[in-house]
Amino acid sequence: MTPSSSQFFEYKSFSLRCEEDDSSAGWTLWRNTKKRQRTKCGVDWGLSAGSFCNNTVTFRWDTGVYWCESREGATSNSINITVTEGSVILQSPVLPVMEGDDVTLHCKTKTSNLPADFYKDGSLIRTEPAGHMTIHHVSKSDEGLYKCNSSSHGESPSSWISVTGKSATTAPPPASTTSSLISATPPPAYEAPPSDSAAPLPVSPTLQLVFTLVRHLVVFCPYFISTVLMVSLYRHRPTGKNLPVSMTTHLHDQAAGRLAEDYDDVMEVTTEHQF
């Protein structure tokens, strides 16, 4: 990484590249920012040239998590980059530091180094007149959130410094090939995994069976009920032999009335004939 820094002033440039063990893996650079999640270098930001990505002009919204990803979905370790519009930054290691190594932090303004106070997890460590502080033989206890403050220019953003054992590897990707994220020209970052990789929860076979049964019942019940109603209505329909009483009586009365009318007509004709 050249230089080793996780913070940048606005309008500066930085470059990132994936250092790969297998050139056929096709590594590309991605990032998550506050405004947008999972955007690809060369499409949504930066200029891409193979595994190299150059961000020529930086803005506040370039602050985020950056990582490499292969065509097969393997991922590298990730780094955090902070771009500030303030006047002070803290230059600190982008990638985790090995236990036992020496680490130097620089408190920088846009023009020079100035006397600065250095803080870890909010507590003052010490004041350095030259504006830089070296931690000798770092250990796990030195891991934390660091920042610096210049009395004449203000305070820098905070950056996390990770410490890893010499026998451990740094955030290995899930695939067999490995990649590390290197920055050249003003680079940035600290360890933090991509935050958009939430996969949907799988549905259990039992739950799927219940959903299937409920769906079939919802579809089948209306047809079953309508069929039962139709059969019931068919069985109880009136027939010619079993007319309702009111209908039979009505027909009988109609027949009797017609016979009486016919009888009156016959009697009238007979009476006229006798006259």
Protein backbone atom coordinates (compact mmCIF):
# COMPACT_ATOMS: atom_id res chain seq x y z
CA MET A 1 0.00 0.00 0.00
CA THR A 2 1.42 3.34 -0.99
CA PRO A 3 0.88 5.23 1.15
CA SER A 4 -0.59 3.27 4.05
CA SER A 5 -3.63 5.33 4.95
CA SER A 6 -7.33 4.81 5.55
CA GLN A 7 -8.27 8.52 5.43
CA PHE A 8 -8.19 11.08 2.61
CA PHE A 9 -8.98 14.72 2.04
CA GLU A 10 -11.72 15.57 -0.46
CA TYR A 11 -10.67 16.06 -4.10
CA LYS A 12 -7.62 13.80 -3.69
CA SER A 13 -7.28 10.57 -5.67
CA PHE A 14 -6.65 7.00 -4.59
CA SER A 15 -6.16 3.72 -6.37
CA LEU A 16 -6.95 0.17 -5.34
CA ARG A 17 -5.98 -3.16 -6.83
CA CYS A 18 -6.66 -6.80 -6.11
CA GLU A 19 -3.40 -8.71 -5.66
CA GLU A 20 -4.33 -12.17 -6.88
CA ASP A 21 -2.84 -15.63 -6.66
CA ASP A 22 -4.80 -16.83 -9.69
CA SER A 23 -4.94 -14.37 -12.59
CA SER A 24 -7.80 -16.37 -14.16
CA ALA A 25 -10.11 -15.64 -11.22
CA GLY A 26 -11.18 -12.31 -12.74
CA TRP A 27 -11.13 -10.19 -9.58
CA THR A 28 -13.05 -6.89 -9.60
CA LEU A 29 -13.48 -4.15 -7.00
CA TRP A 30 -16.78 -3.42 -5.25
CA ARG A 31 -17.87 -1.07 -2.51
CA ASN A 32 -20.67 -0.21 -0.09
CA THR A 33 -21.26 3.45 0.76
CA LYS A 34 -23.88 5.32 2.77
CA LYS A 35 -25.72 6.28 -0.41
CA ARG A 36 -25.47 3.06 -2.42
CA GLN A 37 -24.83 -0.60 -1.69
CA ARG A 38 -22.78 -3.03 -3.77
CA THR A 39 -21.53 -0.90 -6.66
CA LYS A 40 -18.81 -2.00 -9.08
CA CYS A 41 -15.68 -0.11 -10.11
CA GLY A 42 -15.80 1.03 -13.72
CA VAL A 43 -19.61 0.97 -13.80
CA ASP A 44 -20.85 3.09 -10.91
CA TRP A 45 -17.58 4.69 -9.75
CA GLY A 46 -13.88 4.85 -10.61
CA LEU A 47 -11.93 3.77 -13.70
CA SER A 48 -11.23 0.05 -14.00
CA ALA A 49 -8.22 -1.58 -15.64
CA GLY A 50 -8.27 -5.30 -14.91
CA SER A 51 -7.79 -5.79 -11.17
CA PHE A 52 -6.80 -2.12 -10.76
CA CYS A 53 -9.27 0.68 -9.94
CA ASN A 54 -8.48 4.38 -9.87
CA ASN A 55 -10.71 6.92 -8.13
CA THR A 56 -9.34 10.14 -9.60
CA VAL A 57 -11.37 12.67 -7.59
CA THR A 58 -12.79 11.75 -4.18
CA PHE A 59 -15.79 13.18 -2.37
CA ARG A 60 -17.39 12.62 1.03
CA TRP A 61 -19.74 10.03 -0.43
CA ASP A 62 -16.75 7.87 -1.44
CA THR A 63 -16.45 6.94 2.25
CA GLY A 64 -17.28 3.25 2.60
CA VAL A 65 -16.21 -0.39 2.59
CA TYR A 66 -14.17 -1.68 -0.39
CA TRP A 67 -13.37 -5.29 -1.33
CA CYS A 68 -12.36 -7.58 -4.21
CA GLU A 69 -14.65 -10.27 -5.61
CA SER A 70 -14.05 -12.99 -8.20
CA ARG A 71 -16.39 -14.23 -10.91
CA GLU A 72 -17.03 -17.31 -8.76
CA GLY A 73 -18.10 -15.17 -5.79
CA ALA A 74 -14.94 -15.44 -3.65
CA THR A 75 -14.14 -12.27 -1.69
CA SER A 76 -10.99 -10.71 -0.30
CA ASN A 77 -10.54 -8.99 3.03
CA SER A 78 -12.29 -5.63 3.05
CA ILE A 79 -11.07 -2.16 3.97
CA ASN A 80 -12.76 1.01 5.16
CA ILE A 81 -11.97 4.30 3.43
CA THR A 82 -12.89 7.67 4.94
CA VAL A 83 -12.96 10.83 2.81
CA THR A 84 -13.32 14.03 4.84
CA GLU A 85 -13.90 17.68 4.03
CA GLY A 86 -12.12 18.60 7.27
CA SER A 87 -8.55 19.86 7.57
CA VAL A 88 -6.98 16.96 9.55
CA ILE A 89 -6.59 13.26 8.75
CA LEU A 90 -4.93 10.35 10.53
CA GLN A 91 -2.73 8.19 8.32
CA SER A 92 -2.93 4.65 9.72
CA PRO A 93 -2.50 1.11 8.34
CA VAL A 94 -5.25 0.03 6.00
CA LEU A 95 -4.83 -3.72 6.49
CA PRO A 96 -4.41 -5.57 9.82
CA VAL A 97 -1.00 -5.23 11.45
CA MET A 98 1.02 -8.29 12.46
CA GLU A 99 1.72 -8.77 16.16
CA GLY A 100 5.27 -7.68 17.01
CA ASP A 101 5.53 -5.16 14.17
CA ASP A 102 5.99 -1.41 14.62
CA VAL A 103 3.17 0.92 13.54
CA THR A 104 3.52 4.64 12.87
CA LEU A 105 0.52 6.99 12.86
CA HIS A 106 0.70 10.39 11.16
CA CYS A 107 -1.53 13.35 11.96
CA LYS A 108 -1.62 15.40 8.77
CA THR A 109 -3.11 18.64 7.54
CA LYS A 110 -3.45 19.60 3.89
CA THR A 111 -0.05 21.32 4.01
CA SER A 112 2.13 19.75 6.71
CA ASN A 113 2.48 17.74 9.90
CA LEU A 114 1.77 19.65 13.09
CA PRO A 115 2.04 18.89 16.83
CA ALA A 116 -0.90 16.63 17.66
CA ASP A 117 -2.60 14.68 20.43
CA PHE A 118 -3.23 10.99 19.70
CA TYR A 119 -6.26 9.16 21.10
CA LYS A 120 -7.24 5.49 21.35
CA ASP A 121 -10.88 4.61 22.06
CA GLY A 122 -11.49 8.20 23.17
CA SER A 123 -8.62 8.35 25.68
CA LEU A 124 -5.49 10.48 25.19
CA ILE A 125 -2.35 8.38 24.62
CA ARG A 126 0.23 11.13 24.27
CA THR A 127 1.14 14.38 22.52
CA GLU A 128 3.71 14.33 19.74
CA PRO A 129 5.40 17.63 18.66
CA ALA A 130 6.31 16.20 15.23
CA GLY A 131 2.75 15.03 14.51
CA HIS A 132 3.52 11.31 14.27
CA MET A 133 3.49 8.48 16.83
CA THR A 134 5.07 5.02 16.64
CA ILE A 135 3.68 2.00 18.50
CA HIS A 136 6.48 -0.53 18.97
CA HIS A 137 5.85 -4.27 18.94
CA VAL A 138 2.08 -4.05 18.64
CA SER A 139 -0.11 -6.63 20.37
CA LYS A 140 -3.81 -7.40 20.49
CA SER A 141 -4.20 -4.84 23.26
CA ASP A 142 -3.21 -2.11 20.78
CA GLU A 143 -6.22 -2.90 18.60
CA GLY A 144 -8.80 -0.12 18.67
CA LEU A 145 -10.19 3.13 17.32
CA TYR A 146 -7.58 5.86 16.81
CA LYS A 147 -7.79 9.58 16.01
CA CYS A 148 -5.63 12.70 16.36
CA ASN A 149 -6.25 16.32 17.21
CA SER A 150 -4.37 19.45 16.24
CA SER A 151 -5.07 22.47 18.43
CA SER A 152 -4.76 24.81 15.46
CA HIS A 153 -6.59 22.73 12.80
CA GLY A 154 -9.05 20.48 14.59
CA GLU A 155 -9.70 16.74 14.90
CA SER A 156 -9.37 13.91 12.40
CA PRO A 157 -11.99 11.19 11.78
CA SER A 158 -11.48 7.92 13.66
CA SER A 159 -9.99 4.78 12.09
CA TRP A 160 -9.90 1.22 13.41
CA ILE A 161 -6.52 -0.53 13.61
CA SER A 162 -6.66 -4.34 13.57
CA VAL A 163 -3.91 -6.58 14.90
CA THR A 164 -3.52 -10.19 13.80
CA GLY A 165 -1.26 -13.01 14.96
CA LYS A 166 1.73 -13.99 12.83
CA SER A 167 0.39 -17.50 12.32
CA ALA A 168 -3.08 -16.32 11.27
CA THR A 169 -4.15 -15.26 7.81
CA THR A 170 -6.04 -12.07 7.20
CA ALA A 171 -9.73 -12.53 6.34
CA PRO A 172 -9.35 -15.45 3.88
CA PRO A 173 -11.94 -15.56 1.11
CA PRO A 174 -14.34 -18.52 1.00
CA ALA A 175 -12.93 -19.91 -2.27
CA SER A 176 -9.66 -21.74 -2.91
CA THR A 177 -8.06 -18.72 -4.58
CA THR A 178 -7.04 -15.76 -2.41
CA SER A 179 -6.81 -12.05 -2.96
CA SER A 180 -5.76 -9.08 -0.88
CA LEU A 181 -6.78 -5.48 -1.36
CA ILE A 182 -3.83 -3.17 -1.93
CA SER A 183 -4.03 0.57 -2.31
CA ALA A 184 -1.56 2.73 -4.14
CA THR A 185 -1.57 6.50 -4.30
CA PRO A 186 -3.67 7.81 -1.47
CA PRO A 187 -5.40 4.57 -0.30
CA PRO A 188 -7.80 3.93 2.58
CA ALA A 189 -9.40 1.44 4.97
CA TYR A 190 -9.77 -0.91 7.91
CA GLU A 191 -11.13 -4.41 8.35
CA ALA A 192 -14.88 -4.70 7.98
CA PRO A 193 -16.88 -7.24 5.99
CA PRO A 194 -19.34 -6.15 3.29
CA SER A 195 -22.69 -5.44 4.91
CA ASP A 196 -25.05 -6.34 2.01
CA SER A 197 -24.54 -10.05 1.90
CA ALA A 198 -27.69 -11.02 3.82
CA ALA A 199 -29.12 -14.11 2.24
CA PRO A 200 -32.84 -14.98 2.48
CA LEU A 201 -33.72 -17.49 5.16
CA PRO A 202 -34.48 -20.97 3.77
CA VAL A 203 -38.01 -22.32 4.12
CA SER A 204 -38.21 -25.72 5.81
CA PRO A 205 -39.87 -28.68 3.98
CA THR A 206 -42.53 -28.94 6.73
CA LEU A 207 -43.50 -25.30 6.29
CA GLN A 208 -43.65 -25.75 2.52
CA LEU A 209 -46.00 -28.76 3.00
CA VAL A 210 -48.30 -26.72 5.26
CA PHE A 211 -48.42 -23.89 2.69
CA THR A 212 -49.27 -26.43 -0.06
CA LEU A 213 -52.12 -28.00 1.98
CA VAL A 214 -53.59 -24.61 2.86
CA ARG A 215 -53.43 -23.51 -0.77
CA HIS A 216 -55.25 -26.68 -1.94
CA LEU A 217 -57.91 -26.30 0.75
CA VAL A 218 -58.56 -22.68 -0.20
CA VAL A 219 -58.96 -23.66 -3.86
CA PHE A 220 -60.96 -26.90 -3.26
CA CYS A 221 -63.45 -25.79 -0.55
CA PRO A 222 -65.63 -23.48 -2.72
CA TYR A 223 -66.07 -26.23 -5.35
CA PHE A 224 -66.94 -28.83 -2.71
CA ILE A 225 -69.52 -26.60 -0.98
CA SER A 226 -71.17 -25.62 -4.28
CA THR A 227 -71.40 -29.31 -5.32
CA VAL A 228 -73.07 -30.29 -2.03
CA LEU A 229 -75.61 -27.47 -2.38
CA MET A 230 -76.47 -28.46 -5.97
CA VAL A 231 -76.96 -32.13 -5.01
CA SER A 232 -79.15 -31.12 -2.05
CA LEU A 233 -81.33 -28.85 -4.21
CA TYR A 234 -81.67 -31.56 -6.87
CA ARG A 235 -82.81 -34.20 -4.36
CA HIS A 236 -85.43 -31.92 -2.82
CA ARG A 237 -86.88 -30.52 -6.05
CA PRO A 238 -90.73 -30.97 -6.53
CA THR A 239 -91.95 -33.69 -9.01
CA GLY A 240 -95.17 -34.23 -10.95
CA LYS A 241 -96.40 -36.91 -8.52
CA ASN A 242 -95.63 -34.97 -5.42
CA LEU A 243 -97.06 -31.52 -6.07
CA PRO A 244 -97.50 -29.30 -3.09
CA VAL A 245 -100.94 -29.34 -1.43
CA SER A 246 -101.67 -25.76 -2.34
CA MET A 247 -100.96 -26.44 -5.99
CA THR A 248 -103.20 -29.62 -6.02
CA THR A 249 -106.05 -27.81 -4.36
CA HIS A 250 -105.74 -24.94 -6.78
CA LEU A 251 -105.95 -27.32 -9.75
CA HIS A 252 -108.97 -29.13 -8.25
CA ASP A 253 -110.80 -25.85 -7.74
CA GLN A 254 -110.08 -24.80 -11.31
CA ALA A 255 -111.50 -28.10 -12.64
CA ALA A 256 -114.61 -27.85 -10.51
CA GLY A 257 -115.23 -24.30 -11.71
CA ARG A 258 -114.98 -25.31 -15.34
CA LEU A 259 -117.45 -28.22 -14.82
CA ALA A 260 -119.92 -25.84 -13.20
CA GLU A 261 -119.64 -23.40 -16.12
CA ASP A 262 -120.20 -26.24 -18.62
CA TYR A 263 -123.28 -27.41 -16.67
CA ASP A 264 -124.79 -23.90 -16.69
CA ASP A 265 -124.26 -23.63 -20.45
CA VAL A 266 -126.04 -26.98 -21.07
CA MET A 267 -128.97 -26.05 -18.87
CA GLU A 268 -129.35 -22.71 -20.66
CA VAL A 269 -129.46 -24.33 -24.09
CA THR A 270 -131.98 -26.95 -22.93
CA THR A 271 -134.27 -24.30 -21.44
CA GLU A 272 -134.20 -22.24 -24.63
CA HIS A 273 -135.03 -25.32 -26.71
CA GLN A 274 -138.06 -26.14 -24.60
CA PHE A 275 -139.38 -22.60 -24.91
